[in-house]
Structure formats: structure tokens, C-alpha cells
C-alpha atoms as a PDB file:
ATOM      1  CA  UNK A   1     -79.029  35.335 217.330  1.00  0.00           C
ATOM      2  CA  UNK A   2     -79.281  32.476 219.808  1.00  0.00           C
ATOM      3  CA  UNK A   3     -76.344  31.025 221.743  1.00  0.00           C
ATOM      4  CA  UNK A   4     -76.550  27.755 219.776  1.00  0.00           C
ATOM      5  CA  UNK A   5     -76.561  29.636 216.484  1.00  0.00           C
ATOM      6  CA  UNK A   6     -73.522  31.712 217.517  1.00  0.00           C
ATOM      7  CA  UNK A   7     -71.698  28.515 218.495  1.00  0.00           C
ATOM      8  CA  UNK A   8     -72.587  26.867 215.189  1.00  0.00           C
ATOM      9  CA  UNK A   9     -71.404  29.911 213.232  1.00  0.00           C
ATOM     10  CA  UNK A  10     -68.106  29.964 215.131  1.00  0.00           C
ATOM     11  CA  UNK A  11     -67.570  26.245 214.504  1.00  0.00           C
ATOM     12  CA  UNK A  12     -68.129  26.743 210.781  1.00  0.00           C
ATOM     13  CA  UNK A  13     -65.646  29.623 210.815  1.00  0.00           C
ATOM     14  CA  UNK A  14     -63.037  27.491 212.598  1.00  0.00           C
ATOM     15  CA  UNK A  15     -63.560  24.670 210.110  1.00  0.00           C
ATOM     16  CA  UNK A  16     -63.067  27.120 207.249  1.00  0.00           C
ATOM     17  CA  UNK A  17     -59.830  28.404 208.792  1.00  0.00           C
ATOM     18  CA  UNK A  18     -58.575  24.848 209.283  1.00  0.00           C
ATOM     19  CA  UNK A  19     -59.209  24.095 205.608  1.00  0.00           C
ATOM     20  CA  UNK A  20     -56.499  26.609 204.618  1.00  0.00           C
ATOM     21  CA  UNK A  21     -53.130  24.892 205.262  1.00  0.00           C
ATOM     22  CA  UNK A  22     -51.086  28.049 205.891  1.00  0.00           C
ATOM     23  CA  UNK A  23     -53.679  29.424 208.322  1.00  0.00           C
ATOM     24  CA  UNK A  24     -54.026  26.026 209.978  1.00  0.00           C
ATOM     25  CA  UNK A  25     -50.265  25.822 210.563  1.00  0.00           C
ATOM     26  CA  UNK A  26     -50.099  29.344 211.981  1.00  0.00           C
ATOM     27  CA  UNK A  27     -52.996  28.818 214.365  1.00  0.00           C
ATOM     28  CA  UNK A  28     -51.565  25.532 215.603  1.00  0.00           C
ATOM     29  CA  UNK A  29     -48.180  27.095 216.264  1.00  0.00           C
ATOM     30  CA  UNK A  30     -49.785  29.829 218.378  1.00  0.00           C
ATOM     31  CA  UNK A  31     -52.286  27.661 220.263  1.00  0.00           C
ATOM     32  CA  UNK A  32     -49.761  24.905 220.913  1.00  0.00           C
ATOM     33  CA  UNK A  33     -47.087  27.203 222.301  1.00  0.00           C
ATOM     34  CA  UNK A  34     -44.609  26.830 219.468  1.00  0.00           C
ATOM     35  CA  UNK A  35     -44.878  23.037 219.854  1.00  0.00           C
ATOM     36  CA  UNK A  36     -42.735  23.000 223.003  1.00  0.00           C
ATOM     37  CA  UNK A  37     -44.786  20.117 224.381  1.00  0.00           C
ATOM     38  CA  UNK A  38     -44.284  18.214 221.150  1.00  0.00           C
ATOM     39  CA  UNK A  39     -40.537  18.538 221.629  1.00  0.00           C
ATOM     40  CA  UNK A  40     -40.830  16.556 224.845  1.00  0.00           C
ATOM     41  CA  UNK A  41     -42.687  13.795 223.008  1.00  0.00           C
ATOM     42  CA  UNK A  42     -39.901  13.385 220.495  1.00  0.00           C
ATOM     43  CA  UNK A  43     -37.229  13.670 223.162  1.00  0.00           C
ATOM     44  CA  UNK A  44     -38.776  11.027 225.424  1.00  0.00           C
ATOM     45  CA  UNK A  45     -41.217   8.684 223.658  1.00  0.00           C
ATOM     46  CA  UNK A  46     -39.511   8.791 220.265  1.00  0.00           C
ATOM     47  CA  UNK A  47     -35.934   8.779 221.541  1.00  0.00           C
ATOM     48  CA  UNK A  48     -35.532   5.189 220.348  1.00  0.00           C
ATOM     49  CA  UNK A  49     -37.658   5.628 217.248  1.00  0.00           C
ATOM     50  CA  UNK A  50     -35.996   8.598 215.551  1.00  0.00           C
ATOM     51  CA  UNK A  51     -34.478   7.061 212.468  1.00  0.00           C
ATOM     52  CA  UNK A  52     -30.726   6.791 212.275  1.00  0.00           C
ATOM     53  CA  UNK A  53     -30.515   4.050 209.653  1.00  0.00           C
ATOM     54  CA  UNK A  54     -32.083   4.075 206.200  1.00  0.00           C
ATOM     55  CA  UNK A  55     -33.465   0.597 206.807  1.00  0.00           C
ATOM     56  CA  UNK A  56     -35.732   1.913 209.577  1.00  0.00           C
ATOM     57  CA  UNK A  57     -38.907   3.251 208.018  1.00  0.00           C
ATOM     58  CA  UNK A  58     -41.325   5.684 209.657  1.00  0.00           C
ATOM     59  CA  UNK A  59     -45.012   6.009 208.816  1.00  0.00           C
ATOM     60  CA  UNK A  60     -46.767   9.221 209.865  1.00  0.00           C
ATOM     61  CA  UNK A  61     -50.506   8.428 209.809  1.00  0.00           C
ATOM     62  CA  UNK A  62     -52.591  11.597 209.547  1.00  0.00           C
ATOM     63  CA  UNK A  63     -49.517  13.634 208.658  1.00  0.00           C
ATOM     64  CA  UNK A  64     -51.488  16.788 207.840  1.00  0.00           C
ATOM     65  CA  UNK A  65     -49.187  19.453 206.391  1.00  0.00           C
ATOM     66  CA  UNK A  66     -46.040  17.527 207.325  1.00  0.00           C
ATOM     67  CA  UNK A  67     -45.344  19.058 210.731  1.00  0.00           C
ATOM     68  CA  UNK A  68     -43.195  16.137 211.901  1.00  0.00           C
ATOM     69  CA  UNK A  69     -41.509  15.250 208.604  1.00  0.00           C
ATOM     70  CA  UNK A  70     -38.285  17.285 209.160  1.00  0.00           C
ATOM     71  CA  UNK A  71     -37.468  15.181 212.221  1.00  0.00           C
ATOM     72  CA  UNK A  72     -36.857  12.144 210.040  1.00  0.00           C
ATOM     73  CA  UNK A  73     -34.568  11.393 207.124  1.00  0.00           C
ATOM     74  CA  UNK A  74     -36.407  11.920 203.872  1.00  0.00           C
ATOM     75  CA  UNK A  75     -35.641   8.442 202.544  1.00  0.00           C
ATOM     76  CA  UNK A  76     -37.006   6.852 205.737  1.00  0.00           C
ATOM     77  CA  UNK A  77     -40.218   8.846 206.078  1.00  0.00           C
ATOM     78  CA  UNK A  78     -43.687   8.270 204.602  1.00  0.00           C
ATOM     79  CA  UNK A  79     -46.646  10.511 205.429  1.00  0.00           C
ATOM     80  CA  UNK A  80     -50.277   9.725 204.637  1.00  0.00           C
ATOM     81  CA  UNK A  81     -53.348  11.892 205.063  1.00  0.00           C
ATOM     82  CA  UNK A  82     -56.918  11.863 203.777  1.00  0.00           C
ATOM     83  CA  UNK A  83     -56.805  15.562 202.826  1.00  0.00           C
ATOM     84  CA  UNK A  84     -55.382  16.256 199.380  1.00  0.00           C
ATOM     85  CA  UNK A  85     -55.024  19.926 200.286  1.00  0.00           C
ATOM     86  CA  UNK A  86     -52.870  19.153 203.319  1.00  0.00           C
ATOM     87  CA  UNK A  87     -50.768  16.634 201.411  1.00  0.00           C
ATOM     88  CA  UNK A  88     -50.111  19.130 198.639  1.00  0.00           C
ATOM     89  CA  UNK A  89     -49.007  21.685 201.238  1.00  0.00           C
ATOM     90  CA  UNK A  90     -46.692  19.105 202.843  1.00  0.00           C
ATOM     91  CA  UNK A  91     -45.132  18.300 199.482  1.00  0.00           C
ATOM     92  CA  UNK A  92     -44.444  21.973 198.797  1.00  0.00           C
ATOM     93  CA  UNK A  93     -42.787  22.466 202.186  1.00  0.00           C
ATOM     94  CA  UNK A  94     -40.767  19.250 202.218  1.00  0.00           C
ATOM     95  CA  UNK A  95     -40.227  18.115 198.614  1.00  0.00           C
ATOM     96  CA  UNK A  96     -37.617  15.509 199.582  1.00  0.00           C
ATOM     97  CA  UNK A  97     -40.083  13.630 201.791  1.00  0.00           C
ATOM     98  CA  UNK A  98     -42.832  11.383 200.492  1.00  0.00           C
ATOM     99  CA  UNK A  99     -46.490  12.131 201.216  1.00  0.00           C
ATOM    100  CA  UNK A 100     -49.543  10.266 199.966  1.00  0.00           C
ATOM    101  CA  UNK A 101     -53.270  10.889 199.988  1.00  0.00           C
ATOM    102  CA  UNK A 102     -54.841   7.837 201.544  1.00  0.00           C
ATOM    103  CA  UNK A 103     -57.382   6.364 203.910  1.00  0.00           C
ATOM    104  CA  UNK A 104     -55.728   5.216 207.152  1.00  0.00           C
ATOM    105  CA  UNK A 105     -58.451   2.603 207.588  1.00  0.00           C
ATOM    106  CA  UNK A 106     -57.212   0.857 204.434  1.00  0.00           C
ATOM    107  CA  UNK A 107     -53.482   1.430 204.112  1.00  0.00           C
ATOM    108  CA  UNK A 108     -51.886   0.384 200.828  1.00  0.00           C
ATOM    109  CA  UNK A 109     -48.657  -0.811 202.468  1.00  0.00           C
ATOM    110  CA  UNK A 110     -47.741  -4.444 202.969  1.00  0.00           C
ATOM    111  CA  UNK A 111     -47.560  -6.236 206.287  1.00  0.00           C
ATOM    112  CA  UNK A 112     -44.573  -5.428 208.519  1.00  0.00           C
ATOM    113  CA  UNK A 113     -43.506  -2.449 206.393  1.00  0.00           C
ATOM    114  CA  UNK A 114     -42.478   0.093 209.046  1.00  0.00           C
ATOM    115  CA  UNK A 115     -40.276   0.127 212.113  1.00  0.00           C
ATOM    116  CA  UNK A 116     -41.981   3.157 213.652  1.00  0.00           C
ATOM    117  CA  UNK A 117     -45.488   4.571 213.329  1.00  0.00           C
ATOM    118  CA  UNK A 118     -46.650   7.981 214.475  1.00  0.00           C
ATOM    119  CA  UNK A 119     -50.314   8.923 214.983  1.00  0.00           C
ATOM    120  CA  UNK A 120     -50.769  12.516 216.088  1.00  0.00           C
ATOM    121  CA  UNK A 121     -54.123  14.241 216.490  1.00  0.00           C
ATOM    122  CA  UNK A 122     -56.046  11.842 214.276  1.00  0.00           C
ATOM    123  CA  UNK A 123     -58.110   9.554 216.484  1.00  0.00           C
ATOM    124  CA  UNK A 124     -60.130  12.363 218.040  1.00  0.00           C
ATOM    125  CA  UNK A 125     -61.546  13.004 214.564  1.00  0.00           C
ATOM    126  CA  UNK A 126     -62.832   9.427 214.314  1.00  0.00           C
ATOM    127  CA  UNK A 127     -65.641   7.474 215.911  1.00  0.00           C
ATOM    128  CA  UNK A 128     -64.740   4.270 217.750  1.00  0.00           C
ATOM    129  CA  UNK A 129     -65.290   1.992 214.758  1.00  0.00           C
ATOM    130  CA  UNK A 130     -63.041   4.020 212.463  1.00  0.00           C
ATOM    131  CA  UNK A 131     -60.417   4.583 215.160  1.00  0.00           C
ATOM    132  CA  UNK A 132     -60.223   0.833 215.794  1.00  0.00           C
ATOM    133  CA  UNK A 133     -59.866   0.228 212.044  1.00  0.00           C
ATOM    134  CA  UNK A 134     -56.958   2.683 211.850  1.00  0.00           C
ATOM    135  CA  UNK A 135     -55.216   1.035 214.799  1.00  0.00           C
ATOM    136  CA  UNK A 136     -55.690  -2.448 213.314  1.00  0.00           C
ATOM    137  CA  UNK A 137     -54.103  -1.270 210.073  1.00  0.00           C
ATOM    138  CA  UNK A 138     -51.254   0.337 211.989  1.00  0.00           C
ATOM    139  CA  UNK A 139     -50.653  -2.972 213.790  1.00  0.00           C
ATOM    140  CA  UNK A 140     -50.651  -4.804 210.468  1.00  0.00           C
ATOM    141  CA  UNK A 141     -47.996  -2.630 208.811  1.00  0.00           C
ATOM    142  CA  UNK A 142     -45.800  -2.309 211.921  1.00  0.00           C
ATOM    143  CA  UNK A 143     -42.847  -4.682 212.068  1.00  0.00           C
ATOM    144  CA  UNK A 144     -42.493  -7.101 214.982  1.00  0.00           C
ATOM    145  CA  UNK A 145     -40.491  -5.316 217.667  1.00  0.00           C
ATOM    146  CA  UNK A 146     -41.387  -1.929 216.205  1.00  0.00           C
ATOM    147  CA  UNK A 147     -42.958   0.971 218.092  1.00  0.00           C
ATOM    148  CA  UNK A 148     -45.981   3.225 217.728  1.00  0.00           C
ATOM    149  CA  UNK A 149     -46.377   6.618 219.344  1.00  0.00           C
ATOM    150  CA  UNK A 150     -49.915   7.966 219.638  1.00  0.00           C
ATOM    151  CA  UNK A 151     -50.792  11.342 221.034  1.00  0.00           C
ATOM    152  CA  UNK A 152     -54.253  12.835 221.099  1.00  0.00           C
ATOM    153  CA  UNK A 153     -56.279  15.702 222.513  1.00  0.00           C
ATOM    154  CA  UNK A 154     -57.907  15.114 225.875  1.00  0.00           C
ATOM    155  CA  UNK A 155     -60.606  17.209 227.585  1.00  0.00           C
ATOM    156  CA  UNK A 156     -59.282  20.337 229.253  1.00  0.00           C
ATOM    157  CA  UNK A 157     -60.696  20.412 232.774  1.00  0.00           C
ATOM    158  CA  UNK A 158     -58.413  22.947 234.423  1.00  0.00           C
ATOM    159  CA  UNK A 159     -60.118  26.205 235.402  1.00  0.00           C
ATOM    160  CA  UNK A 160     -56.770  27.885 234.694  1.00  0.00           C
ATOM    161  CA  UNK A 161     -56.904  26.995 231.010  1.00  0.00           C
ATOM    162  CA  UNK A 162     -60.145  28.474 229.645  1.00  0.00           C
ATOM    163  CA  UNK A 163     -58.602  29.025 226.204  1.00  0.00           C
ATOM    164  CA  UNK A 164     -57.838  25.318 225.828  1.00  0.00           C
ATOM    165  CA  UNK A 165     -61.355  24.398 226.898  1.00  0.00           C
ATOM    166  CA  UNK A 166     -62.834  26.819 224.367  1.00  0.00           C
ATOM    167  CA  UNK A 167     -60.627  25.542 221.535  1.00  0.00           C
ATOM    168  CA  UNK A 168     -61.609  21.957 222.265  1.00  0.00           C
ATOM    169  CA  UNK A 169     -65.274  22.938 222.091  1.00  0.00           C
ATOM    170  CA  UNK A 170     -64.637  24.371 218.629  1.00  0.00           C
ATOM    171  CA  UNK A 171     -62.274  21.621 217.488  1.00  0.00           C
ATOM    172  CA  UNK A 172     -63.178  19.786 214.298  1.00  0.00           C
ATOM    173  CA  UNK A 173     -62.687  16.528 216.168  1.00  0.00           C
ATOM    174  CA  UNK A 174     -65.985  15.339 217.607  1.00  0.00           C
ATOM    175  CA  UNK A 175     -64.462  12.493 219.625  1.00  0.00           C
ATOM    176  CA  UNK A 176     -62.017  14.036 222.099  1.00  0.00           C
ATOM    177  CA  UNK A 177     -61.651  11.241 224.643  1.00  0.00           C
ATOM    178  CA  UNK A 178     -60.238  10.712 228.100  1.00  0.00           C
ATOM    179  CA  UNK A 179     -56.916   8.832 228.439  1.00  0.00           C
ATOM    180  CA  UNK A 180     -58.815   5.747 229.609  1.00  0.00           C
ATOM    181  CA  UNK A 181     -61.053   5.816 226.538  1.00  0.00           C
ATOM    182  CA  UNK A 182     -58.051   6.054 224.209  1.00  0.00           C
ATOM    183  CA  UNK A 183     -56.409   3.205 226.112  1.00  0.00           C
ATOM    184  CA  UNK A 184     -59.446   1.004 225.478  1.00  0.00           C
ATOM    185  CA  UNK A 185     -59.091   1.663 221.745  1.00  0.00           C
ATOM    186  CA  UNK A 186     -55.359   0.966 221.649  1.00  0.00           C
ATOM    187  CA  UNK A 187     -55.119  -2.157 223.793  1.00  0.00           C
ATOM    188  CA  UNK A 188     -56.847  -4.604 221.387  1.00  0.00           C
ATOM    189  CA  UNK A 189     -54.030  -4.027 218.860  1.00  0.00           C
ATOM    190  CA  UNK A 190     -50.988  -3.009 220.940  1.00  0.00           C
ATOM    191  CA  UNK A 191     -49.242  -3.480 224.274  1.00  0.00           C
ATOM    192  CA  UNK A 192     -48.914  -0.058 225.914  1.00  0.00           C
ATOM    193  CA  UNK A 193     -45.474   0.500 227.438  1.00  0.00           C
ATOM    194  CA  UNK A 194     -45.909   4.035 228.725  1.00  0.00           C
ATOM    195  CA  UNK A 195     -48.546   6.731 229.049  1.00  0.00           C
ATOM    196  CA  UNK A 196     -48.393  10.332 230.176  1.00  0.00           C
ATOM    197  CA  UNK A 197     -50.305  13.577 229.805  1.00  0.00           C
ATOM    198  CA  UNK A 198     -48.777  16.898 228.860  1.00  0.00           C
ATOM    199  CA  UNK A 199     -49.680  20.399 227.783  1.00  0.00           C
ATOM    200  CA  UNK A 200     -48.379  22.223 224.731  1.00  0.00           C
ATOM    201  CA  UNK A 201     -49.439  25.843 224.782  1.00  0.00           C
ATOM    202  CA  UNK A 202     -53.155  25.821 225.596  1.00  0.00           C
ATOM    203  CA  UNK A 203     -53.746  22.243 224.487  1.00  0.00           C
ATOM    204  CA  UNK A 204     -53.824  19.141 226.702  1.00  0.00           C
ATOM    205  CA  UNK A 205     -52.752  15.751 225.366  1.00  0.00           C
ATOM    206  CA  UNK A 206     -52.117  12.148 226.296  1.00  0.00           C
ATOM    207  CA  UNK A 207     -49.260  10.284 224.643  1.00  0.00           C
ATOM    208  CA  UNK A 208     -48.815   6.504 224.467  1.00  0.00           C
ATOM    209  CA  UNK A 209     -45.780   4.470 223.498  1.00  0.00           C
ATOM    210  CA  UNK A 210     -46.818   0.957 222.455  1.00  0.00           C
ATOM    211  CA  UNK A 211     -45.498  -2.199 220.811  1.00  0.00           C
ATOM    212  CA  UNK A 212     -47.122  -4.900 218.667  1.00  0.00           C
ATOM    213  CA  UNK A 213     -48.812  -7.765 220.459  1.00  0.00           C
END
């Protein structure tokens, strides 16, 4: 078996594991260090966006199995994901919250519908054209004065994190970008207020807080 064939077989195996919601959740929890890095995102970037009033609506684009849903009041939160299997898993775990199967490039919501938008680990699955379409839709449904928090995988370059580098090579996302490349995608639709990189477990990320133009 050649090296390329072994790599292809491993990638197919990883994709199969990721297609099973319960396995996907367990693997993420392990690889991302119990989401300790994610806690810092919510504590810092989302400190002003965590909903305290029912009139403030949150849209979680690419919600997956509903990882972030419990952080928000059920009547304020809306999650959308392209995967029916993930959405069904999210509904089972958090029946009080609302989750929809939908294409983030063509959101069904009206203009200025949400005070806060969250995009987590979605853009690195999309080519530039589709990523730009998602961000344009996010800008359309975000209220004036609202906020969007975007965090995405970035290449792991540290020699002290070989596990993270290996996982990124096997990741289903084919478009893991540098912070500068993500910035170029975001800036046509939003004004970036802050940017920082962080690590959660073995995984390296960049997180942006932005506002509508």
C-alpha cells in the first residue's frame, strides 16, 4: 500500500467517523481539550453578545450538533446546518432550542433578523466563492449595530503540536486558511473590530469579532 493510498484510506475513515454525530462530538471534545479554548471565546468576544433579553436573537450558522446552543436562551436561539443528521442530533439533545436544515448561502430569514451571529468551523469547509456567499447572507440578516463572531481552523505550524498538524491534514475541511486569508473574506461584508488566535486542545484557531458595514 502506497503512502498516498494510506492517507486516502485514513481520510475516508475520518469522514465516516465524522458522519456519526455521537462519535463526532466525542472526538471533538477530546481533540479540542474539553473546549477550554472555546470558553475564552464566549467569555471575551461574545461577552456583549450573550443574550440576556428575549428580543435579542442569535443565529448559529453551521450549528452542527448544537454544541453552542446551551449558552443561549432557547427562545432567542436559532441554529442552521446543511446536515440533516447533525440537526436531528441537535434537536434530540436540546429539544427546547430551534434547529433547521438549511443552506447558509441562501438563508430563509428576512433582512435584519438577528442581533448576533455565530459562525464556528464552517468557512474552512467552503471554497472562497461559497464562503463569500455565506458571509454576504450573514451581513444581510444581521441587524444594524449587531455583532458577528467567526472562528475558524488555521494551519498548525508549531513543531510542538504534531497532533494538531496531523488532524488538520485529515480534516474534512479542504480550505483551512491563514488569518490573513480569512480576513480578506470577511472584510467585504463586515468591519473587523478584533482578531486573535488561540488553541483549544490540539487545535489552532483564529477568532474575529466584527460589525456590519
